[in-house]
Amino acid sequence: MLIDYAIASINAMMGRIDDIVISVSAVLITLLWIPIALNFFSTDENKKIMARERLKNAAIGTVIFIMAISGILFTVFNYVVTGKV
């Protein structure tokens, strides 16, 4: 009975930690994209050009961040270094 309660508590705690990590990740990605979006929809042509240049870097950064959070990046580097999955 006590072990079942401990396992349930640990599972609930891991679920909360997962929610916190997802929330922080969403905030970081949002902070990355806000300046680009503001410049992209600006009336100033220079700001639009700068936003288009930064768009590629932000997209690549977002993909790398998502891969790092999900563990794909670790798996790829582990495969490259050790040859094992």
PDB file of N, CA and C in Angstrom:
ATOM      1  N   MET A   1       0.816  -1.183   0.000  1.00  0.00           N
ATOM      2  CA  MET A   1       0.000   0.000   0.000  1.00  0.00           C
ATOM      3  C   MET A   1       0.867   1.257   0.000  1.00  0.00           C
ATOM      4  N   LEU A   2       1.892   1.272   0.852  1.00  0.00           N
ATOM      5  CA  LEU A   2       2.773   2.428   0.945  1.00  0.00           C
ATOM      6  C   LEU A   2       3.595   2.592  -0.331  1.00  0.00           C
ATOM      7  N   ILE A   3       4.008   1.472  -0.910  1.00  0.00           N
ATOM      8  CA  ILE A   3       4.788   1.526  -2.144  1.00  0.00           C
ATOM      9  C   ILE A   3       3.939   2.063  -3.287  1.00  0.00           C
ATOM     10  N   ASP A   4       2.681   1.645  -3.360  1.00  0.00           N
ATOM     11  CA  ASP A   4       1.787   2.157  -4.399  1.00  0.00           C
ATOM     12  C   ASP A   4       1.600   3.664  -4.265  1.00  0.00           C
ATOM     13  N   TYR A   5       1.470   4.134  -3.031  1.00  0.00           N
ATOM     14  CA  TYR A   5       1.319   5.572  -2.787  1.00  0.00           C
ATOM     15  C   TYR A   5       2.581   6.321  -3.205  1.00  0.00           C
ATOM     16  N   ALA A   6       3.751   5.762  -2.898  1.00  0.00           N
ATOM     17  CA  ALA A   6       5.015   6.405  -3.257  1.00  0.00           C
ATOM     18  C   ALA A   6       5.172   6.474  -4.771  1.00  0.00           C
ATOM     19  N   ILE A   7       4.818   5.396  -5.460  1.00  0.00           N
ATOM     20  CA  ILE A   7       4.915   5.378  -6.919  1.00  0.00           C
ATOM     21  C   ILE A   7       3.956   6.390  -7.529  1.00  0.00           C
ATOM     22  N   ALA A   8       2.742   6.462  -7.001  1.00  0.00           N
ATOM     23  CA  ALA A   8       1.769   7.432  -7.504  1.00  0.00           C
ATOM     24  C   ALA A   8       2.243   8.863  -7.262  1.00  0.00           C
ATOM     25  N   SER A   9       2.852   9.104  -6.115  1.00  0.00           N
ATOM     26  CA  SER A   9       3.364  10.446  -5.813  1.00  0.00           C
ATOM     27  C   SER A   9       4.504  10.825  -6.752  1.00  0.00           C
ATOM     28  N   ILE A  10       5.398   9.880  -7.013  1.00  0.00           N
ATOM     29  CA  ILE A  10       6.514  10.145  -7.921  1.00  0.00           C
ATOM     30  C   ILE A  10       6.000  10.394  -9.332  1.00  0.00           C
ATOM     31  N   ASN A  11       5.014   9.617  -9.768  1.00  0.00           N
ATOM     32  CA  ASN A  11       4.444   9.833 -11.096  1.00  0.00           C
ATOM     33  C   ASN A  11       3.781  11.203 -11.204  1.00  0.00           C
ATOM     34  N   ALA A  12       3.076  11.611 -10.166  1.00  0.00           N
ATOM     35  CA  ALA A  12       2.440  12.932 -10.170  1.00  0.00           C
ATOM     36  C   ALA A  12       3.491  14.039 -10.195  1.00  0.00           C
ATOM     37  N   MET A  13       4.569  13.853  -9.438  1.00  0.00           N
ATOM     38  CA  MET A  13       5.632  14.845  -9.408  1.00  0.00           C
ATOM     39  C   MET A  13       6.310  14.953 -10.775  1.00  0.00           C
ATOM     40  N   MET A  14       6.562  13.834 -11.418  1.00  0.00           N
ATOM     41  CA  MET A  14       7.174  13.851 -12.745  1.00  0.00           C
ATOM     42  C   MET A  14       6.252  14.516 -13.760  1.00  0.00           C
ATOM     43  N   GLY A  15       4.954  14.308 -13.621  1.00  0.00           N
ATOM     44  CA  GLY A  15       3.999  14.970 -14.503  1.00  0.00           C
ATOM     45  C   GLY A  15       4.034  16.478 -14.337  1.00  0.00           C
ATOM     46  N   ARG A  16       4.140  16.940 -13.088  1.00  0.00           N
ATOM     47  CA  ARG A  16       4.228  18.382 -12.836  1.00  0.00           C
ATOM     48  C   ARG A  16       5.530  18.958 -13.385  1.00  0.00           C
ATOM     49  N   ILE A  17       6.625  18.236 -13.211  1.00  0.00           N
ATOM     50  CA  ILE A  17       7.911  18.696 -13.747  1.00  0.00           C
ATOM     51  C   ILE A  17       7.846  18.777 -15.264  1.00  0.00           C
ATOM     52  N   ASP A  18       7.203  17.813 -15.887  1.00  0.00           N
ATOM     53  CA  ASP A  18       7.029  17.823 -17.333  1.00  0.00           C
ATOM     54  C   ASP A  18       6.237  19.050 -17.771  1.00  0.00           C
ATOM     55  N   ASP A  19       5.173  19.368 -17.051  1.00  0.00           N
ATOM     56  CA  ASP A  19       4.373  20.556 -17.372  1.00  0.00           C
ATOM     57  C   ASP A  19       5.189  21.837 -17.227  1.00  0.00           C
ATOM     58  N   ILE A  20       6.021  21.902 -16.202  1.00  0.00           N
ATOM     59  CA  ILE A  20       6.856  23.090 -15.993  1.00  0.00           C
ATOM     60  C   ILE A  20       7.869  23.239 -17.119  1.00  0.00           C
ATOM     61  N   VAL A  21       8.501  22.148 -17.518  1.00  0.00           N
ATOM     62  CA  VAL A  21       9.490  22.200 -18.599  1.00  0.00           C
ATOM     63  C   VAL A  21       8.831  22.629 -19.901  1.00  0.00           C
ATOM     64  N   ILE A  22       7.656  22.113 -20.189  1.00  0.00           N
ATOM     65  CA  ILE A  22       6.942  22.500 -21.405  1.00  0.00           C
ATOM     66  C   ILE A  22       6.578  23.978 -21.363  1.00  0.00           C
ATOM     67  N   SER A  23       6.141  24.464 -20.220  1.00  0.00           N
ATOM     68  CA  SER A  23       5.775  25.881 -20.094  1.00  0.00           C
ATOM     69  C   SER A  23       6.986  26.790 -20.280  1.00  0.00           C
ATOM     70  N   VAL A  24       8.094  26.443 -19.659  1.00  0.00           N
ATOM     71  CA  VAL A  24       9.308  27.250 -19.801  1.00  0.00           C
ATOM     72  C   VAL A  24       9.796  27.220 -21.244  1.00  0.00           C
ATOM     73  N   SER A  25       9.714  26.080 -21.892  1.00  0.00           N
ATOM     74  CA  SER A  25      10.119  25.977 -23.291  1.00  0.00           C
ATOM     75  C   SER A  25       9.251  26.854 -24.177  1.00  0.00           C
ATOM     76  N   ALA A  26       7.966  26.859 -23.926  1.00  0.00           N
ATOM     77  CA  ALA A  26       7.060  27.700 -24.714  1.00  0.00           C
ATOM     78  C   ALA A  26       7.380  29.178 -24.524  1.00  0.00           C
ATOM     79  N   VAL A  27       7.710  29.570 -23.302  1.00  0.00           N
ATOM     80  CA  VAL A  27       8.064  30.970 -23.046  1.00  0.00           C
ATOM     81  C   VAL A  27       9.357  31.335 -23.768  1.00  0.00           C
ATOM     82  N   LEU A  28      10.355  30.457 -23.736  1.00  0.00           N
ATOM     83  CA  LEU A  28      11.622  30.737 -24.418  1.00  0.00           C
ATOM     84  C   LEU A  28      11.437  30.867 -25.925  1.00  0.00           C
ATOM     85  N   ILE A  29      10.665  29.976 -26.510  1.00  0.00           N
ATOM     86  CA  ILE A  29      10.423  30.048 -27.946  1.00  0.00           C
ATOM     87  C   ILE A  29       9.634  31.306 -28.288  1.00  0.00           C
ATOM     88  N   THR A  30       8.686  31.675 -27.445  1.00  0.00           N
ATOM     89  CA  THR A  30       7.924  32.903 -27.669  1.00  0.00           C
ATOM     90  C   THR A  30       8.830  34.124 -27.617  1.00  0.00           C
ATOM     91  N   LEU A  31       9.732  34.165 -26.638  1.00  0.00           N
ATOM     92  CA  LEU A  31      10.661  35.290 -26.542  1.00  0.00           C
ATOM     93  C   LEU A  31      11.582  35.363 -27.754  1.00  0.00           C
ATOM     94  N   LEU A  32      11.893  34.241 -28.350  1.00  0.00           N
ATOM     95  CA  LEU A  32      12.715  34.214 -29.557  1.00  0.00           C
ATOM     96  C   LEU A  32      11.971  34.813 -30.745  1.00  0.00           C
ATOM     97  N   TRP A  33      10.676  34.521 -30.861  1.00  0.00           N
ATOM     98  CA  TRP A  33       9.920  34.908 -32.049  1.00  0.00           C
ATOM     99  C   TRP A  33       9.264  36.277 -31.965  1.00  0.00           C
ATOM    100  N   ILE A  34       9.058  36.840 -30.775  1.00  0.00           N
ATOM    101  CA  ILE A  34       8.353  38.130 -30.656  1.00  0.00           C
ATOM    102  C   ILE A  34       9.053  39.256 -31.417  1.00  0.00           C
ATOM    103  N   PRO A  35      10.357  39.472 -31.250  1.00  0.00           N
ATOM    104  CA  PRO A  35      10.977  40.577 -31.998  1.00  0.00           C
ATOM    105  C   PRO A  35      10.914  40.383 -33.508  1.00  0.00           C
ATOM    106  N   ILE A  36      11.012  39.160 -33.956  1.00  0.00           N
ATOM    107  CA  ILE A  36      10.952  38.898 -35.393  1.00  0.00           C
ATOM    108  C   ILE A  36       9.562  39.204 -35.925  1.00  0.00           C
ATOM    109  N   ALA A  37       8.545  38.790 -35.188  1.00  0.00           N
ATOM    110  CA  ALA A  37       7.172  39.057 -35.626  1.00  0.00           C
ATOM    111  C   ALA A  37       6.877  40.552 -35.631  1.00  0.00           C
ATOM    112  N   LEU A  38       7.330  41.263 -34.613  1.00  0.00           N
ATOM    113  CA  LEU A  38       7.091  42.708 -34.574  1.00  0.00           C
ATOM    114  C   LEU A  38       7.767  43.417 -35.743  1.00  0.00           C
ATOM    115  N   ASN A  39       8.985  43.027 -36.063  1.00  0.00           N
ATOM    116  CA  ASN A  39       9.681  43.639 -37.195  1.00  0.00           C
ATOM    117  C   ASN A  39       9.105  43.190 -38.529  1.00  0.00           C
ATOM    118  N   PHE A  40       8.623  41.959 -38.595  1.00  0.00           N
ATOM    119  CA  PHE A  40       8.093  41.432 -39.854  1.00  0.00           C
ATOM    120  C   PHE A  40       6.836  42.180 -40.283  1.00  0.00           C
ATOM    121  N   PHE A  41       6.006  42.569 -39.325  1.00  0.00           N
ATOM    122  CA  PHE A  41       4.765  43.270 -39.638  1.00  0.00           C
ATOM    123  C   PHE A  41       4.895  44.783 -39.482  1.00  0.00           C
ATOM    124  N   SER A  42       6.108  45.281 -39.447  1.00  0.00           N
ATOM    125  CA  SER A  42       6.351  46.712 -39.329  1.00  0.00           C
ATOM    126  C   SER A  42       6.130  47.398 -40.676  1.00  0.00           C
ATOM    127  N   THR A  43       5.925  48.705 -40.641  1.00  0.00           N
ATOM    128  CA  THR A  43       5.771  49.467 -41.890  1.00  0.00           C
ATOM    129  C   THR A  43       7.124  49.902 -42.438  1.00  0.00           C
ATOM    130  N   ASP A  44       8.159  49.839 -41.634  1.00  0.00           N
ATOM    131  CA  ASP A  44       9.505  50.216 -42.060  1.00  0.00           C
ATOM    132  C   ASP A  44      10.121  49.075 -42.866  1.00  0.00           C
ATOM    133  N   GLU A  45      10.569  49.386 -44.073  1.00  0.00           N
ATOM    134  CA  GLU A  45      11.133  48.351 -44.956  1.00  0.00           C
ATOM    135  C   GLU A  45      12.435  47.768 -44.409  1.00  0.00           C
ATOM    136  N   ASN A  46      13.249  48.582 -43.764  1.00  0.00           N
ATOM    137  CA  ASN A  46      14.511  48.076 -43.213  1.00  0.00           C
ATOM    138  C   ASN A  46      14.261  47.035 -42.127  1.00  0.00           C
ATOM    139  N   LYS A  47      13.245  47.273 -41.302  1.00  0.00           N
ATOM    140  CA  LYS A  47      12.910  46.298 -40.261  1.00  0.00           C
ATOM    141  C   LYS A  47      12.390  45.003 -40.870  1.00  0.00           C
ATOM    142  N   LYS A  48      11.630  45.107 -41.959  1.00  0.00           N
ATOM    143  CA  LYS A  48      11.123  43.899 -42.627  1.00  0.00           C
ATOM    144  C   LYS A  48      12.271  43.076 -43.201  1.00  0.00           C
ATOM    145  N   ILE A  49      13.234  43.752 -43.788  1.00  0.00           N
ATOM    146  CA  ILE A  49      14.385  43.043 -44.362  1.00  0.00           C
ATOM    147  C   ILE A  49      15.186  42.357 -43.257  1.00  0.00           C
ATOM    148  N   MET A  50      15.395  43.056 -42.145  1.00  0.00           N
ATOM    149  CA  MET A  50      16.110  42.448 -41.017  1.00  0.00           C
ATOM    150  C   MET A  50      15.342  41.254 -40.464  1.00  0.00           C
ATOM    151  N   ALA A  51      14.020  41.359 -40.418  1.00  0.00           N
ATOM    152  CA  ALA A  51      13.208  40.248 -39.906  1.00  0.00           C
ATOM    153  C   ALA A  51      13.313  39.039 -40.820  1.00  0.00           C
ATOM    154  N   ARG A  52      13.331  39.260 -42.118  1.00  0.00           N
ATOM    155  CA  ARG A  52      13.470  38.130 -43.053  1.00  0.00           C
ATOM    156  C   ARG A  52      14.824  37.445 -42.897  1.00  0.00           C
ATOM    157  N   GLU A  53      15.857  38.241 -42.630  1.00  0.00           N
ATOM    158  CA  GLU A  53      17.188  37.661 -42.428  1.00  0.00           C
ATOM    159  C   GLU A  53      17.249  36.854 -41.129  1.00  0.00           C
ATOM    160  N   ARG A  54      16.577  37.334 -40.092  1.00  0.00           N
ATOM    161  CA  ARG A  54      16.599  36.649 -38.797  1.00  0.00           C
ATOM    162  C   ARG A  54      15.628  35.475 -38.746  1.00  0.00           C
ATOM    163  N   LEU A  55      14.709  35.409 -39.703  1.00  0.00           N
ATOM    164  CA  LEU A  55      13.692  34.358 -39.709  1.00  0.00           C
ATOM    165  C   LEU A  55      14.318  32.970 -39.814  1.00  0.00           C
ATOM    166  N   LYS A  56      15.286  32.825 -40.711  1.00  0.00           N
ATOM    167  CA  LYS A  56      15.939  31.523 -40.888  1.00  0.00           C
ATOM    168  C   LYS A  56      16.659  31.090 -39.612  1.00  0.00           C
ATOM    169  N   ASN A  57      17.390  32.014 -39.002  1.00  0.00           N
ATOM    170  CA  ASN A  57      18.112  31.680 -37.769  1.00  0.00           C
ATOM    171  C   ASN A  57      17.161  31.297 -36.646  1.00  0.00           C
ATOM    172  N   ALA A  58      16.038  31.999 -36.544  1.00  0.00           N
ATOM    173  CA  ALA A  58      15.065  31.682 -35.496  1.00  0.00           C
ATOM    174  C   ALA A  58      14.418  30.323 -35.744  1.00  0.00           C
ATOM    175  N   ALA A  59      14.125  30.013 -36.998  1.00  0.00           N
ATOM    176  CA  ALA A  59      13.518  28.713 -37.312  1.00  0.00           C
ATOM    177  C   ALA A  59      14.488  27.572 -36.997  1.00  0.00           C
ATOM    178  N   ILE A  60      15.747  27.745 -37.375  1.00  0.00           N
ATOM    179  CA  ILE A  60      16.751  26.719 -37.082  1.00  0.00           C
ATOM    180  C   ILE A  60      16.940  26.578 -35.572  1.00  0.00           C
ATOM    181  N   GLY A  61      16.981  27.698 -34.862  1.00  0.00           N
ATOM    182  CA  GLY A  61      17.112  27.658 -33.407  1.00  0.00           C
ATOM    183  C   GLY A  61      15.942  26.968 -32.736  1.00  0.00           C
ATOM    184  N   THR A  62      14.738  27.194 -33.253  1.00  0.00           N
ATOM    185  CA  THR A  62      13.553  26.545 -32.693  1.00  0.00           C
ATOM    186  C   THR A  62      13.615  25.038 -32.897  1.00  0.00           C
ATOM    187  N   VAL A  63      14.007  24.612 -34.088  1.00  0.00           N
ATOM    188  CA  VAL A  63      14.098  23.172 -34.368  1.00  0.00           C
ATOM    189  C   VAL A  63      15.155  22.519 -33.478  1.00  0.00           C
ATOM    190  N   ILE A  64      16.307  23.161 -33.332  1.00  0.00           N
ATOM    191  CA  ILE A  64      17.362  22.605 -32.480  1.00  0.00           C
ATOM    192  C   ILE A  64      16.902  22.544 -31.027  1.00  0.00           C
ATOM    193  N   PHE A  65      16.202  23.581 -30.562  1.00  0.00           N
ATOM    194  CA  PHE A  65      15.708  23.599 -29.184  1.00  0.00           C
ATOM    195  C   PHE A  65      14.708  22.481 -28.949  1.00  0.00           C
ATOM    196  N   ILE A  66      13.787  22.287 -29.881  1.00  0.00           N
ATOM    197  CA  ILE A  66      12.786  21.216 -29.742  1.00  0.00           C
ATOM    198  C   ILE A  66      13.464  19.850 -29.761  1.00  0.00           C
ATOM    199  N   MET A  67      14.458  19.686 -30.639  1.00  0.00           N
ATOM    200  CA  MET A  67      15.181  18.416 -30.680  1.00  0.00           C
ATOM    201  C   MET A  67      15.938  18.172 -29.376  1.00  0.00           C
ATOM    202  N   ALA A  68      16.512  19.222 -28.806  1.00  0.00           N
ATOM    203  CA  ALA A  68      17.259  19.068 -27.555  1.00  0.00           C
ATOM    204  C   ALA A  68      16.327  18.717 -26.407  1.00  0.00           C
ATOM    205  N   ILE A  69      15.180  19.359 -26.347  1.00  0.00           N
ATOM    206  CA  ILE A  69      14.230  19.075 -25.272  1.00  0.00           C
ATOM    207  C   ILE A  69      13.680  17.662 -25.401  1.00  0.00           C
ATOM    208  N   SER A  70      13.403  17.234 -26.622  1.00  0.00           N
ATOM    209  CA  SER A  70      12.793  15.914 -26.798  1.00  0.00           C
ATOM    210  C   SER A  70      13.810  14.775 -26.704  1.00  0.00           C
ATOM    211  N   GLY A  71      15.084  15.070 -26.714  1.00  0.00           N
ATOM    212  CA  GLY A  71      16.094  14.029 -26.586  1.00  0.00           C
ATOM    213  C   GLY A  71      16.621  13.510 -27.910  1.00  0.00           C
ATOM    214  N   ILE A  72      16.096  14.007 -29.003  1.00  0.00           N
ATOM    215  CA  ILE A  72      16.561  13.545 -30.314  1.00  0.00           C
ATOM    216  C   ILE A  72      18.018  13.929 -30.523  1.00  0.00           C
ATOM    217  N   LEU A  73      18.379  15.133 -30.116  1.00  0.00           N
ATOM    218  CA  LEU A  73      19.749  15.595 -30.296  1.00  0.00           C
ATOM    219  C   LEU A  73      20.730  14.715 -29.526  1.00  0.00           C
ATOM    220  N   PHE A  74      20.383  14.323 -28.307  1.00  0.00           N
ATOM    221  CA  PHE A  74      21.232  13.436 -27.519  1.00  0.00           C
ATOM    222  C   PHE A  74      21.388  12.089 -28.214  1.00  0.00           C
ATOM    223  N   THR A  75      20.305  11.560 -28.757  1.00  0.00           N
ATOM    224  CA  THR A  75      20.355  10.268 -29.440  1.00  0.00           C
ATOM    225  C   THR A  75      21.250  10.331 -30.672  1.00  0.00           C
ATOM    226  N   VAL A  76      21.141  11.408 -31.444  1.00  0.00           N
ATOM    227  CA  VAL A  76      21.970  11.547 -32.647  1.00  0.00           C
ATOM    228  C   VAL A  76      23.443  11.644 -32.272  1.00  0.00           C
ATOM    229  N   PHE A  77      23.781  12.489 -31.300  1.00  0.00           N
ATOM    230  CA  PHE A  77      25.180  12.614 -30.893  1.00  0.00           C
ATOM    231  C   PHE A  77      25.706  11.319 -30.285  1.00  0.00           C
ATOM    232  N   ASN A  78      24.889  10.617 -29.532  1.00  0.00           N
ATOM    233  CA  ASN A  78      25.285   9.340 -28.957  1.00  0.00           C
ATOM    234  C   ASN A  78      25.567   8.330 -30.068  1.00  0.00           C
ATOM    235  N   TYR A  79      24.749   8.335 -31.113  1.00  0.00           N
ATOM    236  CA  TYR A  79      24.964   7.420 -32.235  1.00  0.00           C
ATOM    237  C   TYR A  79      26.248   7.770 -32.982  1.00  0.00           C
ATOM    238  N   VAL A  80      26.508   9.057 -33.170  1.00  0.00           N
ATOM    239  CA  VAL A  80      27.716   9.472 -33.883  1.00  0.00           C
ATOM    240  C   VAL A  80      28.963   9.092 -33.093  1.00  0.00           C
ATOM    241  N   VAL A  81      28.939   9.286 -31.789  1.00  0.00           N
ATOM    242  CA  VAL A  81      30.125   9.036 -30.969  1.00  0.00           C
ATOM    243  C   VAL A  81      30.339   7.547 -30.735  1.00  0.00           C
ATOM    244  N   THR A  82      29.287   6.826 -30.352  1.00  0.00           N
ATOM    245  CA  THR A  82      29.456   5.425 -29.964  1.00  0.00           C
ATOM    246  C   THR A  82      29.073   4.432 -31.049  1.00  0.00           C
ATOM    247  N   GLY A  83      28.264   4.838 -31.994  1.00  0.00           N
ATOM    248  CA  GLY A  83      27.797   3.917 -33.024  1.00  0.00           C
ATOM    249  C   GLY A  83      26.626   3.068 -32.578  1.00  0.00           C
ATOM    250  N   LYS A  84      26.117   3.318 -31.375  1.00  0.00           N
ATOM    251  CA  LYS A  84      24.978   2.571 -30.849  1.00  0.00           C
ATOM    252  C   LYS A  84      23.793   3.513 -30.678  1.00  0.00           C
ATOM    253  N   VAL A  85      22.610   2.939 -30.759  1.00  0.00           N
ATOM    254  CA  VAL A  85      21.406   3.752 -30.561  1.00  0.00           C
ATOM    255  C   VAL A  85      21.046   3.789 -29.112  1.00  0.00           C
TER     256      VAL A  85
END
